[in-house]
Structure formats: structure tokens, C-alpha cells
PDB file of N, CA and C in Angstrom:
ATOM      1  N   MET A   1     108.283  73.324  95.122  1.00  0.00           N
ATOM      2  CA  MET A   1     107.173  74.193  94.800  1.00  0.00           C
ATOM      3  C   MET A   1     107.507  75.593  95.308  1.00  0.00           C
ATOM      4  N   LYS A   2     107.170  76.611  94.531  1.00  0.00           N
ATOM      5  CA  LYS A   2     107.403  78.004  94.913  1.00  0.00           C
ATOM      6  C   LYS A   2     106.088  78.620  95.380  1.00  0.00           C
ATOM      7  N   TYR A   3     106.185  79.547  96.328  1.00  0.00           N
ATOM      8  CA  TYR A   3     105.010  80.190  96.896  1.00  0.00           C
ATOM      9  C   TYR A   3     105.115  81.697  96.738  1.00  0.00           C
ATOM     10  N   LEU A   4     104.061  82.306  96.225  1.00  0.00           N
ATOM     11  CA  LEU A   4     103.937  83.753  96.149  1.00  0.00           C
ATOM     12  C   LEU A   4     102.826  84.117  97.126  1.00  0.00           C
ATOM     13  N   LEU A   5     103.213  84.674  98.270  1.00  0.00           N
ATOM     14  CA  LEU A   5     102.253  84.934  99.340  1.00  0.00           C
ATOM     15  C   LEU A   5     101.380  86.138  99.025  1.00  0.00           C
ATOM     16  N   ASP A   6     100.117  86.045  99.404  1.00  0.00           N
ATOM     17  CA  ASP A   6      99.237  87.200  99.258  1.00  0.00           C
ATOM     18  C   ASP A   6      99.194  87.964 100.580  1.00  0.00           C
ATOM     19  N   THR A   7      98.500  89.095 100.576  1.00  0.00           N
ATOM     20  CA  THR A   7      98.434  89.959 101.751  1.00  0.00           C
ATOM     21  C   THR A   7      97.871  89.219 102.954  1.00  0.00           C
ATOM     22  N   ASN A   8      96.817  88.453 102.761  1.00  0.00           N
ATOM     23  CA  ASN A   8      96.202  87.731 103.876  1.00  0.00           C
ATOM     24  C   ASN A   8      97.162  86.726 104.495  1.00  0.00           C
ATOM     25  N   ALA A   9      97.961  86.058 103.684  1.00  0.00           N
ATOM     26  CA  ALA A   9      98.924  85.086 104.212  1.00  0.00           C
ATOM     27  C   ALA A   9      99.986  85.774 105.064  1.00  0.00           C
ATOM     28  N   VAL A  10     100.464  86.927 104.616  1.00  0.00           N
ATOM     29  CA  VAL A  10     101.483  87.655 105.382  1.00  0.00           C
ATOM     30  C   VAL A  10     100.897  88.154 106.700  1.00  0.00           C
ATOM     31  N   ILE A  11      99.687  88.679 106.658  1.00  0.00           N
ATOM     32  CA  ILE A  11      99.039  89.155 107.882  1.00  0.00           C
ATOM     33  C   ILE A  11      98.831  87.989 108.849  1.00  0.00           C
ATOM     34  N   ALA A  12      98.422  86.840 108.327  1.00  0.00           N
ATOM     35  CA  ALA A  12      98.241  85.657 109.177  1.00  0.00           C
ATOM     36  C   ALA A  12      99.576  85.227 109.783  1.00  0.00           C
ATOM     37  N   LEU A  13     100.624  85.247 108.986  1.00  0.00           N
ATOM     38  CA  LEU A  13     101.951  84.873 109.469  1.00  0.00           C
ATOM     39  C   LEU A  13     102.391  85.789 110.605  1.00  0.00           C
ATOM     40  N   LEU A  14     102.301  87.093 110.381  1.00  0.00           N
ATOM     41  CA  LEU A  14     102.740  88.052 111.393  1.00  0.00           C
ATOM     42  C   LEU A  14     101.804  88.094 112.592  1.00  0.00           C
ATOM     43  N   GLY A  15     100.557  87.693 112.378  1.00  0.00           N
ATOM     44  CA  GLY A  15      99.586  87.665 113.466  1.00  0.00           C
ATOM     45  C   GLY A  15      99.677  86.422 114.323  1.00  0.00           C
ATOM     46  N   GLY A  16     100.580  85.515 113.977  1.00  0.00           N
ATOM     47  CA  GLY A  16     100.796  84.336 114.797  1.00  0.00           C
ATOM     48  C   GLY A  16      99.983  83.119 114.414  1.00  0.00           C
ATOM     49  N   ASN A  17      99.419  83.100 113.213  1.00  0.00           N
ATOM     50  CA  ASN A  17      98.658  81.930 112.773  1.00  0.00           C
ATOM     51  C   ASN A  17      99.595  80.725 112.708  1.00  0.00           C
ATOM     52  N   SER A  18      99.358  79.764 113.594  1.00  0.00           N
ATOM     53  CA  SER A  18     100.288  78.640 113.716  1.00  0.00           C
ATOM     54  C   SER A  18     100.320  77.756 112.470  1.00  0.00           C
ATOM     55  N   LEU A  19      99.206  77.612 111.773  1.00  0.00           N
ATOM     56  CA  LEU A  19      99.203  76.788 110.558  1.00  0.00           C
ATOM     57  C   LEU A  19     100.096  77.396 109.479  1.00  0.00           C
ATOM     58  N   VAL A  20      99.982  78.708 109.302  1.00  0.00           N
ATOM     59  CA  VAL A  20     100.810  79.391 108.304  1.00  0.00           C
ATOM     60  C   VAL A  20     102.278  79.313 108.718  1.00  0.00           C
ATOM     61  N   GLN A  21     102.550  79.573 109.990  1.00  0.00           N
ATOM     62  CA  GLN A  21     103.932  79.518 110.471  1.00  0.00           C
ATOM     63  C   GLN A  21     104.538  78.131 110.292  1.00  0.00           C
ATOM     64  N   GLN A  22     103.795  77.095 110.648  1.00  0.00           N
ATOM     65  CA  GLN A  22     104.300  75.724 110.512  1.00  0.00           C
ATOM     66  C   GLN A  22     104.590  75.384 109.053  1.00  0.00           C
ATOM     67  N   HIS A  23     103.693  75.782 108.177  1.00  0.00           N
ATOM     68  CA  HIS A  23     103.890  75.474 106.760  1.00  0.00           C
ATOM     69  C   HIS A  23     105.132  76.184 106.223  1.00  0.00           C
ATOM     70  N   LEU A  24     105.266  77.464 106.537  1.00  0.00           N
ATOM     71  CA  LEU A  24     106.392  78.218 105.987  1.00  0.00           C
ATOM     72  C   LEU A  24     107.728  77.788 106.587  1.00  0.00           C
ATOM     73  N   ARG A  25     107.720  77.207 107.777  1.00  0.00           N
ATOM     74  CA  ARG A  25     108.965  76.671 108.350  1.00  0.00           C
ATOM     75  C   ARG A  25     109.495  75.502 107.517  1.00  0.00           C
ATOM     76  N   ARG A  26     108.606  74.802 106.842  1.00  0.00           N
ATOM     77  CA  ARG A  26     109.009  73.643 106.034  1.00  0.00           C
ATOM     78  C   ARG A  26     109.422  74.036 104.613  1.00  0.00           C
ATOM     79  N   VAL A  27     109.207  75.284 104.255  1.00  0.00           N
ATOM     80  CA  VAL A  27     109.502  75.751 102.896  1.00  0.00           C
ATOM     81  C   VAL A  27     110.781  76.589 102.927  1.00  0.00           C
ATOM     82  N   PRO A  28     111.745  76.298 102.071  1.00  0.00           N
ATOM     83  CA  PRO A  28     112.949  77.135 102.027  1.00  0.00           C
ATOM     84  C   PRO A  28     112.583  78.590 101.707  1.00  0.00           C
ATOM     85  N   ALA A  29     113.252  79.520 102.384  1.00  0.00           N
ATOM     86  CA  ALA A  29     112.977  80.944 102.153  1.00  0.00           C
ATOM     87  C   ALA A  29     113.158  81.306 100.686  1.00  0.00           C
ATOM     88  N   SER A  30     114.066  80.622 100.007  1.00  0.00           N
ATOM     89  CA  SER A  30     114.307  80.914  98.587  1.00  0.00           C
ATOM     90  C   SER A  30     113.130  80.513  97.701  1.00  0.00           C
ATOM     91  N   ASP A  31     112.201  79.728  98.235  1.00  0.00           N
ATOM     92  CA  ASP A  31     111.020  79.308  97.473  1.00  0.00           C
ATOM     93  C   ASP A  31     109.777  80.124  97.821  1.00  0.00           C
ATOM     94  N   THR A  32     109.961  81.202  98.560  1.00  0.00           N
ATOM     95  CA  THR A  32     108.834  82.023  98.997  1.00  0.00           C
ATOM     96  C   THR A  32     109.106  83.472  98.629  1.00  0.00           C
ATOM     97  N   ALA A  33     108.088  84.154  98.110  1.00  0.00           N
ATOM     98  CA  ALA A  33     108.258  85.549  97.705  1.00  0.00           C
ATOM     99  C   ALA A  33     106.960  86.321  97.915  1.00  0.00           C
ATOM    100  N   LEU A  34     107.088  87.641  97.825  1.00  0.00           N
ATOM    101  CA  LEU A  34     105.945  88.551  97.878  1.00  0.00           C
ATOM    102  C   LEU A  34     105.968  89.387  96.612  1.00  0.00           C
ATOM    103  N   SER A  35     104.808  89.725  96.109  1.00  0.00           N
ATOM    104  CA  SER A  35     104.769  90.640  94.965  1.00  0.00           C
ATOM    105  C   SER A  35     104.904  92.070  95.480  1.00  0.00           C
ATOM    106  N   SER A  36     105.367  92.945  94.624  1.00  0.00           N
ATOM    107  CA  SER A  36     105.465  94.352  95.017  1.00  0.00           C
ATOM    108  C   SER A  36     104.083  94.908  95.335  1.00  0.00           C
ATOM    109  N   ARG A  37     103.065  94.374  94.714  1.00  0.00           N
ATOM    110  CA  ARG A  37     101.681  94.791  94.997  1.00  0.00           C
ATOM    111  C   ARG A  37     101.300  94.457  96.439  1.00  0.00           C
ATOM    112  N   VAL A  38     101.669  93.265  96.894  1.00  0.00           N
ATOM    113  CA  VAL A  38     101.386  92.868  98.277  1.00  0.00           C
ATOM    114  C   VAL A  38     102.126  93.791  99.239  1.00  0.00           C
ATOM    115  N   MET A  39     103.394  94.089  98.955  1.00  0.00           N
ATOM    116  CA  MET A  39     104.136  94.996  99.835  1.00  0.00           C
ATOM    117  C   MET A  39     103.461  96.357  99.896  1.00  0.00           C
ATOM    118  N   HIS A  40     102.970  96.837  98.757  1.00  0.00           N
ATOM    119  CA  HIS A  40     102.263  98.117  98.752  1.00  0.00           C
ATOM    120  C   HIS A  40     101.020  98.040  99.634  1.00  0.00           C
ATOM    121  N   GLU A  41     100.240  96.976  99.501  1.00  0.00           N
ATOM    122  CA  GLU A  41      99.033  96.823 100.315  1.00  0.00           C
ATOM    123  C   GLU A  41      99.375  96.781 101.801  1.00  0.00           C
ATOM    124  N   LEU A  42     100.447  96.079 102.158  1.00  0.00           N
ATOM    125  CA  LEU A  42     100.852  95.991 103.559  1.00  0.00           C
ATOM    126  C   LEU A  42     101.265  97.357 104.102  1.00  0.00           C
ATOM    127  N   TYR A  43     102.083  98.085 103.352  1.00  0.00           N
ATOM    128  CA  TYR A  43     102.520  99.405 103.800  1.00  0.00           C
ATOM    129  C   TYR A  43     101.350 100.383 103.868  1.00  0.00           C
ATOM    130  N   PHE A  44     100.467 100.328 102.908  1.00  0.00           N
ATOM    131  CA  PHE A  44      99.290 101.202 102.913  1.00  0.00           C
ATOM    132  C   PHE A  44      98.462 100.938 104.166  1.00  0.00           C
ATOM    133  N   GLY A  45      98.221  99.661 104.456  1.00  0.00           N
ATOM    134  CA  GLY A  45      97.456  99.306 105.648  1.00  0.00           C
ATOM    135  C   GLY A  45      98.147  99.727 106.927  1.00  0.00           C
ATOM    136  N   ALA A  46      99.466  99.556 106.979  1.00  0.00           N
ATOM    137  CA  ALA A  46     100.219  99.942 108.175  1.00  0.00           C
ATOM    138  C   ALA A  46     100.122 101.443 108.418  1.00  0.00           C
ATOM    139  N   CYS A  47     100.203 102.218 107.360  1.00  0.00           N
ATOM    140  CA  CYS A  47     100.157 103.674 107.498  1.00  0.00           C
ATOM    141  C   CYS A  47      98.781 104.169 107.920  1.00  0.00           C
ATOM    142  N   LYS A  48      97.751 103.390 107.651  1.00  0.00           N
ATOM    143  CA  LYS A  48      96.397 103.768 108.072  1.00  0.00           C
ATOM    144  C   LYS A  48      96.067 103.231 109.466  1.00  0.00           C
ATOM    145  N   GLY A  49      96.909 102.344 109.987  1.00  0.00           N
ATOM    146  CA  GLY A  49      96.647 101.705 111.273  1.00  0.00           C
ATOM    147  C   GLY A  49      97.071 102.566 112.454  1.00  0.00           C
ATOM    148  N   VAL A  50      96.818 102.044 113.645  1.00  0.00           N
ATOM    149  CA  VAL A  50      97.143 102.788 114.867  1.00  0.00           C
ATOM    150  C   VAL A  50      98.534 102.438 115.402  1.00  0.00           C
ATOM    151  N   ARG A  51      99.102 101.313 114.981  1.00  0.00           N
ATOM    152  CA  ARG A  51     100.444 100.901 115.430  1.00  0.00           C
ATOM    153  C   ARG A  51     101.399 100.896 114.244  1.00  0.00           C
ATOM    154  N   THR A  52     101.437 101.994 113.530  1.00  0.00           N
ATOM    155  CA  THR A  52     102.197 102.077 112.281  1.00  0.00           C
ATOM    156  C   THR A  52     103.655 101.674 112.456  1.00  0.00           C
ATOM    157  N   ASN A  53     104.352 102.277 113.421  1.00  0.00           N
ATOM    158  CA  ASN A  53     105.782 101.996 113.582  1.00  0.00           C
ATOM    159  C   ASN A  53     106.039 100.535 113.927  1.00  0.00           C
ATOM    160  N   GLU A  54     105.245  99.976 114.825  1.00  0.00           N
ATOM    161  CA  GLU A  54     105.401  98.565 115.199  1.00  0.00           C
ATOM    162  C   GLU A  54     105.156  97.653 113.996  1.00  0.00           C
ATOM    163  N   THR A  55     104.119  97.958 113.247  1.00  0.00           N
ATOM    164  CA  THR A  55     103.787  97.143 112.079  1.00  0.00           C
ATOM    165  C   THR A  55     104.895  97.215 111.036  1.00  0.00           C
ATOM    166  N   LEU A  56     105.409  98.410 110.783  1.00  0.00           N
ATOM    167  CA  LEU A  56     106.489  98.553 109.802  1.00  0.00           C
ATOM    168  C   LEU A  56     107.755  97.827 110.258  1.00  0.00           C
ATOM    169  N   ARG A  57     108.031  97.834 111.560  1.00  0.00           N
ATOM    170  CA  ARG A  57     109.178  97.065 112.071  1.00  0.00           C
ATOM    171  C   ARG A  57     108.979  95.573 111.798  1.00  0.00           C
ATOM    172  N   ASN A  58     107.751  95.091 112.008  1.00  0.00           N
ATOM    173  CA  ASN A  58     107.463  93.678 111.727  1.00  0.00           C
ATOM    174  C   ASN A  58     107.682  93.363 110.254  1.00  0.00           C
ATOM    175  N   TYR A  59     107.259  94.258 109.376  1.00  0.00           N
ATOM    176  CA  TYR A  59     107.461  94.040 107.943  1.00  0.00           C
ATOM    177  C   TYR A  59     108.949  93.992 107.616  1.00  0.00           C
ATOM    178  N   GLY A  60     109.734  94.771 108.349  1.00  0.00           N
ATOM    179  CA  GLY A  60     111.176  94.776 108.139  1.00  0.00           C
ATOM    180  C   GLY A  60     111.834  93.450 108.479  1.00  0.00           C
ATOM    181  N   GLN A  61     111.150  92.614 109.264  1.00  0.00           N
ATOM    182  CA  GLN A  61     111.671  91.299 109.639  1.00  0.00           C
ATOM    183  C   GLN A  61     111.445  90.250 108.545  1.00  0.00           C
ATOM    184  N   LEU A  62     110.573  90.544 107.596  1.00  0.00           N
ATOM    185  CA  LEU A  62     110.284  89.580 106.530  1.00  0.00           C
ATOM    186  C   LEU A  62     111.526  89.382 105.669  1.00  0.00           C
ATOM    187  N   ARG A  63     111.824  88.142 105.367  1.00  0.00           N
ATOM    188  CA  ARG A  63     113.014  87.829 104.579  1.00  0.00           C
ATOM    189  C   ARG A  63     112.658  87.141 103.269  1.00  0.00           C
ATOM    190  N   PHE A  64     111.572  87.583 102.671  1.00  0.00           N
ATOM    191  CA  PHE A  64     111.149  87.006 101.401  1.00  0.00           C
ATOM    192  C   PHE A  64     111.593  87.918 100.266  1.00  0.00           C
ATOM    193  N   ALA A  65     111.852  87.324  99.122  1.00  0.00           N
ATOM    194  CA  ALA A  65     112.163  88.110  97.930  1.00  0.00           C
ATOM    195  C   ALA A  65     110.925  88.905  97.522  1.00  0.00           C
ATOM    196  N   ILE A  66     111.143  90.086  96.949  1.00  0.00           N
ATOM    197  CA  ILE A  66     110.053  90.915  96.446  1.00  0.00           C
ATOM    198  C   ILE A  66     110.082  90.824  94.922  1.00  0.00           C
ATOM    199  N   VAL A  67     108.972  90.385  94.351  1.00  0.00           N
ATOM    200  CA  VAL A  67     108.866  90.255  92.899  1.00  0.00           C
ATOM    201  C   VAL A  67     108.333  91.575  92.351  1.00  0.00           C
ATOM    202  N   PRO A  68     109.112  92.268  91.515  1.00  0.00           N
ATOM    203  CA  PRO A  68     108.654  93.559  90.994  1.00  0.00           C
ATOM    204  C   PRO A  68     107.540  93.404  89.963  1.00  0.00           C
ATOM    205  N   PHE A  69     106.770  94.461  89.833  1.00  0.00           N
ATOM    206  CA  PHE A  69     105.734  94.500  88.805  1.00  0.00           C
ATOM    207  C   PHE A  69     106.347  95.125  87.562  1.00  0.00           C
ATOM    208  N   THR A  70     106.322  94.396  86.478  1.00  0.00           N
ATOM    209  CA  THR A  70     106.837  94.928  85.217  1.00  0.00           C
ATOM    210  C   THR A  70     105.839  94.618  84.105  1.00  0.00           C
ATOM    211  N   VAL A  71     105.813  95.490  83.134  1.00  0.00           N
ATOM    212  CA  VAL A  71     104.972  95.281  81.956  1.00  0.00           C
ATOM    213  C   VAL A  71     105.910  95.029  80.789  1.00  0.00           C
ATOM    214  N   HIS A  72     105.681  93.940  80.100  1.00  0.00           N
ATOM    215  CA  HIS A  72     106.513  93.603  78.951  1.00  0.00           C
ATOM    216  C   HIS A  72     106.348  94.684  77.890  1.00  0.00           C
ATOM    217  N   PRO A  73     107.458  95.135  77.270  1.00  0.00           N
ATOM    218  CA  PRO A  73     107.371  96.208  76.270  1.00  0.00           C
ATOM    219  C   PRO A  73     106.436  95.892  75.101  1.00  0.00           C
ATOM    220  N   GLN A  74     106.224  94.617  74.797  1.00  0.00           N
ATOM    221  CA  GLN A  74     105.364  94.249  73.681  1.00  0.00           C
ATOM    222  C   GLN A  74     103.911  94.054  74.098  1.00  0.00           C
ATOM    223  N   HIS A  75     103.635  94.197  75.393  1.00  0.00           N
ATOM    224  CA  HIS A  75     102.271  94.002  75.888  1.00  0.00           C
ATOM    225  C   HIS A  75     101.374  95.107  75.329  1.00  0.00           C
ATOM    226  N   PRO A  76     100.215  94.740  74.792  1.00  0.00           N
ATOM    227  CA  PRO A  76      99.328  95.775  74.246  1.00  0.00           C
ATOM    228  C   PRO A  76      98.831  96.705  75.344  1.00  0.00           C
ATOM    229  N   ARG A  77      98.818  97.952  75.060  1.00  0.00           N
ATOM    230  CA  ARG A  77      98.349  98.954  76.016  1.00  0.00           C
ATOM    231  C   ARG A  77      96.840  99.117  75.880  1.00  0.00           C
ATOM    232  N   VAL A  78      96.205  99.443  76.983  1.00  0.00           N
ATOM    233  CA  VAL A  78      94.766  99.718  76.959  1.00  0.00           C
ATOM    234  C   VAL A  78      94.596 101.158  76.490  1.00  0.00           C
ATOM    235  N   PRO A  79      93.780 101.379  75.469  1.00  0.00           N
ATOM    236  CA  PRO A  79      93.583 102.746  74.985  1.00  0.00           C
ATOM    237  C   PRO A  79      92.972 103.627  76.070  1.00  0.00           C
ATOM    238  N   PRO A  80      93.305 104.924  76.078  1.00  0.00           N
ATOM    239  CA  PRO A  80      92.712 105.840  77.056  1.00  0.00           C
ATOM    240  C   PRO A  80      91.186 105.809  76.973  1.00  0.00           C
ATOM    241  N   GLY A  81      90.546 105.949  78.098  1.00  0.00           N
ATOM    242  CA  GLY A  81      89.088 105.978  78.127  1.00  0.00           C
ATOM    243  C   GLY A  81      88.452 104.612  78.236  1.00  0.00           C
ATOM    244  N   ARG A  82      89.228 103.567  78.356  1.00  0.00           N
ATOM    245  CA  ARG A  82      88.659 102.214  78.476  1.00  0.00           C
ATOM    246  C   ARG A  82      88.872 101.663  79.833  1.00  0.00           C
TER     247      ARG A  82
END
């Protein structure tokens, strides 16, 4: 099974939540990833926080693949004003 972690899961992991840590220890790192959206949310939150440098260092320790956000060229576009 593959896991795409959300922002809350990453915060729980880095915050020392033992249930999250135990579960992820049993999952191969290759089966776990973060979306680029989650990384953006994490960095945005870190930059607004009081321990920005420490938080960013912690994020640097994450060894999960980052799934980029892409829009398929054939995907219908939303018209302006909607």
C-alpha cells in the first residue's frame, strides 16, 4: 500500500506522535510520499512561525518523495471569472 501524507500527518510525525512514527517505521520509505502542496503548506507555516530555522531543518530531514502538481494538457480549463 502507498501513502500520500497530508500536512497534519507530517506535523504529527515531526512532533513526536508515537502512533504515526510506529506506523511509518513499518512502511518502506519508497511507499510514502508528500504532495508539493503539502510541502508548500509546511514551508508557509514554518516561515510564519517563531522557530523558522529549526522547523526548516526538521523538514530537511524528511526522506519522502515529493509528488509534483501537474495539470494534464487535455484537462479543461476553468473560464475566467468562474
